[in-house]
C-alpha cells in the first residue's frame, strides 16, 4: 500500500504518522549546483522552479545543511524502529572549493540518531560521460562518474532495530 504526498520535505514529520514508514529512499537536492552550467558534457543548467522554499534554491552551504537536517529529523520521526533509509548523494565542486556532501549527509544523519549501516559506491559511467580530466591545462580536475548510496538504520535506545 502506498500514498503519494506532495509538499515541503521539511514537513515530512508532520505529514506522516510517527513510526509508520518501513523504508525510505531519497536523493536529496545537491544544494544549488543544478542551476550551474554543466561544463563536462556541455549541457545547459537545469531549472527546477523558483519557489523560495526549494532546498535547491538555498545559496549558503551551512543553511542548506541545516535545512537537510530538518528533513532528516522528520524522517527519524516517521521511520519505525528497525527501518532503513537509503540516500543517494554525490560530492560536488563549486568554483575552486570541493564539498564532500556524502560525508556531510552521513554526519547529519548520525547527529539526528540514525546508525550508519553501509556505503555503496555507485558506478555511473554508463549514465555519465566517460572519465576525463577537466580544467586542463590550468588545473587538473576529474569529472565525477560515481554517486554514493548511504544506508542508515533507525536503532532506538532499547536496541529495537
Foldseek 3Di string as FASTA:
>chain_A
DDDDDDDQLLCLLVVAAFQADQEAEEAADPAQCQCCQDPVVRHHRDDDDDDPSRLNNDDDPVVSLVSVLSSLLSVLRRHHAFGKYKYKFAWDDDPPDTGRVVVSNVVSNVVSPWDFDDKDKAQQCVPDPDWDFPPPPVDTDIDDRIIMITMTGHQDPVRGD
